[in-house]
Amino acid sequence: MGLFSYLLVNFYSHRVYTIKAAIKTFVFARISDLFMFGSFILTLLLFHTTDLTALFIQVPFRVSYFLYIFG
């Protein structure tokens, strides 16, 4: 998605402002992908499943659960 957003913002443009905006869009798309992947891994480590039905059943029992990372 980052490459396509870069190309969409920078399509047929040679101005410096649009090139900077296209690079900014690409970087923010990569950062958001990184956070989405991190939340997926954190959900998998915490709940041991990716099934949303099982996840929604487990959430009320984990309200007072402390998350220890690297500990």
N, C-alpha and C. Protein backbone atom coordinates (compact mmCIF):
# COMPACT_ATOMS: atom_id res chain seq x y z
N MET A 1 0.81 -1.18 0.00
CA MET A 1 0.00 0.00 0.00
C MET A 1 0.86 1.25 0.00
N GLY A 2 2.01 1.20 0.64
CA GLY A 2 2.87 2.36 0.69
C GLY A 2 3.36 2.80 -0.67
N LEU A 3 3.72 1.84 -1.51
CA LEU A 3 4.20 2.17 -2.85
C LEU A 3 3.09 2.79 -3.70
N PHE A 4 1.88 2.24 -3.60
CA PHE A 4 0.77 2.77 -4.37
C PHE A 4 0.36 4.17 -3.90
N SER A 5 0.41 4.42 -2.59
CA SER A 5 0.10 5.76 -2.10
C SER A 5 1.19 6.75 -2.54
N TYR A 6 2.44 6.29 -2.57
CA TYR A 6 3.52 7.14 -3.06
C TYR A 6 3.29 7.52 -4.52
N LEU A 7 2.94 6.53 -5.32
CA LEU A 7 2.72 6.80 -6.74
C LEU A 7 1.47 7.65 -6.96
N LEU A 8 0.45 7.47 -6.13
CA LEU A 8 -0.77 8.25 -6.28
C LEU A 8 -0.53 9.72 -5.97
N VAL A 9 0.22 10.00 -4.94
CA VAL A 9 0.49 11.39 -4.58
C VAL A 9 1.46 12.03 -5.57
N ASN A 10 2.39 11.27 -6.09
CA ASN A 10 3.46 11.81 -6.93
C ASN A 10 3.19 11.61 -8.43
N PHE A 11 2.00 11.29 -8.83
CA PHE A 11 1.71 10.96 -10.22
C PHE A 11 1.85 12.19 -11.12
N TYR A 12 2.75 12.14 -12.07
CA TYR A 12 3.00 13.19 -13.06
C TYR A 12 3.32 14.54 -12.41
N SER A 13 4.07 14.53 -11.37
CA SER A 13 4.42 15.78 -10.73
C SER A 13 5.92 15.85 -10.55
N HIS A 14 6.45 17.03 -10.76
CA HIS A 14 7.89 17.23 -10.61
C HIS A 14 8.20 18.34 -9.60
N ARG A 15 7.17 18.79 -8.88
CA ARG A 15 7.39 19.82 -7.88
C ARG A 15 7.98 19.19 -6.62
N VAL A 16 8.80 19.96 -5.93
CA VAL A 16 9.47 19.47 -4.73
C VAL A 16 8.46 19.19 -3.63
N TYR A 17 7.43 20.03 -3.50
CA TYR A 17 6.44 19.87 -2.45
C TYR A 17 5.69 18.54 -2.59
N THR A 18 5.30 18.18 -3.79
CA THR A 18 4.56 16.93 -3.97
C THR A 18 5.47 15.71 -3.80
N ILE A 19 6.72 15.84 -4.16
CA ILE A 19 7.66 14.73 -3.95
C ILE A 19 7.88 14.50 -2.46
N LYS A 20 8.01 15.59 -1.68
CA LYS A 20 8.15 15.45 -0.23
C LYS A 20 6.88 14.86 0.39
N ALA A 21 5.73 15.29 -0.10
CA ALA A 21 4.46 14.76 0.42
C ALA A 21 4.33 13.28 0.09
N ALA A 22 4.78 12.85 -1.08
CA ALA A 22 4.72 11.45 -1.46
C ALA A 22 5.63 10.60 -0.58
N ILE A 23 6.82 11.10 -0.30
CA ILE A 23 7.74 10.36 0.58
C ILE A 23 7.18 10.29 2.00
N LYS A 24 6.58 11.36 2.47
CA LYS A 24 5.96 11.37 3.80
C LYS A 24 4.82 10.36 3.86
N THR A 25 4.01 10.28 2.82
CA THR A 25 2.92 9.31 2.77
C THR A 25 3.46 7.89 2.79
N PHE A 26 4.52 7.64 2.06
CA PHE A 26 5.13 6.31 2.04
C PHE A 26 5.67 5.92 3.41
N VAL A 27 6.34 6.84 4.08
CA VAL A 27 6.92 6.55 5.39
C VAL A 27 5.83 6.29 6.42
N PHE A 28 4.78 7.10 6.43
CA PHE A 28 3.69 6.89 7.38
C PHE A 28 2.95 5.58 7.11
N ALA A 29 2.84 5.18 5.86
CA ALA A 29 2.21 3.89 5.55
C ALA A 29 3.07 2.74 6.07
N ARG A 30 4.38 2.84 5.95
CA ARG A 30 5.26 1.80 6.48
C ARG A 30 5.19 1.74 8.00
N ILE A 31 5.14 2.89 8.66
CA ILE A 31 5.05 2.91 10.12
C ILE A 31 3.73 2.31 10.59
N SER A 32 2.64 2.64 9.92
CA SER A 32 1.35 2.07 10.31
C SER A 32 1.31 0.57 10.06
N ASP A 33 1.95 0.10 9.01
CA ASP A 33 2.04 -1.35 8.79
C ASP A 33 2.84 -2.03 9.89
N LEU A 34 3.88 -1.39 10.36
CA LEU A 34 4.69 -1.93 11.44
C LEU A 34 3.88 -2.05 12.73
N PHE A 35 3.10 -1.01 13.07
CA PHE A 35 2.27 -1.06 14.26
C PHE A 35 1.15 -2.08 14.13
N MET A 36 0.59 -2.25 12.95
CA MET A 36 -0.44 -3.26 12.75
C MET A 36 0.13 -4.66 12.93
N PHE A 37 1.32 -4.89 12.41
CA PHE A 37 1.98 -6.19 12.59
C PHE A 37 2.31 -6.43 14.06
N GLY A 38 2.77 -5.40 14.74
CA GLY A 38 3.08 -5.52 16.17
C GLY A 38 1.85 -5.83 17.00
N SER A 39 0.73 -5.21 16.69
CA SER A 39 -0.50 -5.50 17.44
C SER A 39 -0.98 -6.91 17.15
N PHE A 40 -0.78 -7.40 15.94
CA PHE A 40 -1.14 -8.78 15.62
C PHE A 40 -0.28 -9.76 16.43
N ILE A 41 1.01 -9.52 16.49
CA ILE A 41 1.91 -10.39 17.25
C ILE A 41 1.60 -10.32 18.75
N LEU A 42 1.31 -9.12 19.26
CA LEU A 42 0.97 -8.97 20.67
C LEU A 42 -0.33 -9.72 21.00
N THR A 43 -1.32 -9.64 20.13
CA THR A 43 -2.57 -10.38 20.32
C THR A 43 -2.32 -11.88 20.29
N LEU A 44 -1.48 -12.32 19.41
CA LEU A 44 -1.16 -13.74 19.31
C LEU A 44 -0.42 -14.22 20.56
N LEU A 45 0.49 -13.43 21.08
CA LEU A 45 1.24 -13.81 22.28
C LEU A 45 0.37 -13.78 23.54
N LEU A 46 -0.54 -12.83 23.61
CA LEU A 46 -1.35 -12.66 24.80
C LEU A 46 -2.52 -13.65 24.86
N PHE A 47 -3.21 -13.85 23.74
CA PHE A 47 -4.42 -14.67 23.73
C PHE A 47 -4.22 -16.04 23.08
N HIS A 48 -3.11 -16.27 22.45
CA HIS A 48 -2.77 -17.54 21.81
C HIS A 48 -3.76 -17.93 20.71
N THR A 49 -4.38 -16.96 20.08
CA THR A 49 -5.31 -17.23 18.99
C THR A 49 -5.47 -15.98 18.13
N THR A 50 -5.92 -16.20 16.91
CA THR A 50 -6.28 -15.08 16.05
C THR A 50 -7.76 -15.12 15.70
N ASP A 51 -8.47 -16.08 16.26
CA ASP A 51 -9.91 -16.20 16.04
C ASP A 51 -10.62 -15.11 16.84
N LEU A 52 -11.39 -14.27 16.16
CA LEU A 52 -12.01 -13.14 16.84
C LEU A 52 -13.08 -13.58 17.83
N THR A 53 -13.78 -14.66 17.56
CA THR A 53 -14.79 -15.15 18.49
C THR A 53 -14.15 -15.56 19.81
N ALA A 54 -13.09 -16.32 19.75
CA ALA A 54 -12.37 -16.73 20.96
C ALA A 54 -11.73 -15.53 21.63
N LEU A 55 -11.28 -14.58 20.86
CA LEU A 55 -10.66 -13.38 21.42
C LEU A 55 -11.68 -12.57 22.21
N PHE A 56 -12.88 -12.37 21.67
CA PHE A 56 -13.91 -11.59 22.36
C PHE A 56 -14.43 -12.31 23.60
N ILE A 57 -14.36 -13.62 23.63
CA ILE A 57 -14.75 -14.36 24.82
C ILE A 57 -13.69 -14.19 25.91
N GLN A 58 -12.43 -14.15 25.56
CA GLN A 58 -11.34 -14.07 26.53
C GLN A 58 -11.11 -12.67 27.08
N VAL A 59 -11.52 -11.64 26.37
CA VAL A 59 -11.22 -10.27 26.78
C VAL A 59 -11.79 -9.91 28.15
N PRO A 60 -13.05 -10.22 28.50
CA PRO A 60 -13.53 -9.82 29.84
C PRO A 60 -12.75 -10.48 30.98
N PHE A 61 -12.16 -11.62 30.76
CA PHE A 61 -11.39 -12.28 31.80
C PHE A 61 -9.98 -11.72 31.93
N ARG A 62 -9.55 -10.93 30.98
CA ARG A 62 -8.19 -10.37 30.99
C ARG A 62 -8.18 -8.88 31.37
N VAL A 63 -9.26 -8.38 31.94
CA VAL A 63 -9.33 -6.95 32.25
C VAL A 63 -8.30 -6.57 33.30
N SER A 64 -8.16 -7.39 34.33
CA SER A 64 -7.19 -7.08 35.38
C SER A 64 -5.90 -7.88 35.20
N TYR A 65 -5.62 -8.31 34.00
CA TYR A 65 -4.44 -9.11 33.70
C TYR A 65 -3.28 -8.18 33.39
N PHE A 66 -2.14 -8.39 34.03
CA PHE A 66 -0.96 -7.58 33.76
C PHE A 66 -0.14 -8.22 32.66
N LEU A 67 0.29 -7.42 31.73
CA LEU A 67 1.09 -7.89 30.62
C LEU A 67 2.56 -7.65 30.91
N TYR A 68 3.31 -8.72 31.01
CA TYR A 68 4.75 -8.62 31.23
C TYR A 68 5.47 -9.02 29.95
N ILE A 69 6.17 -8.09 29.38
CA ILE A 69 6.93 -8.34 28.18
C ILE A 69 8.40 -8.45 28.58
N PHE A 70 9.06 -9.48 28.14
CA PHE A 70 10.46 -9.77 28.46
C PHE A 70 10.67 -9.97 29.96
N GLY A 71 9.69 -10.58 30.63
CA GLY A 71 9.86 -10.72 32.05
C GLY A 71 9.32 -11.96 32.64
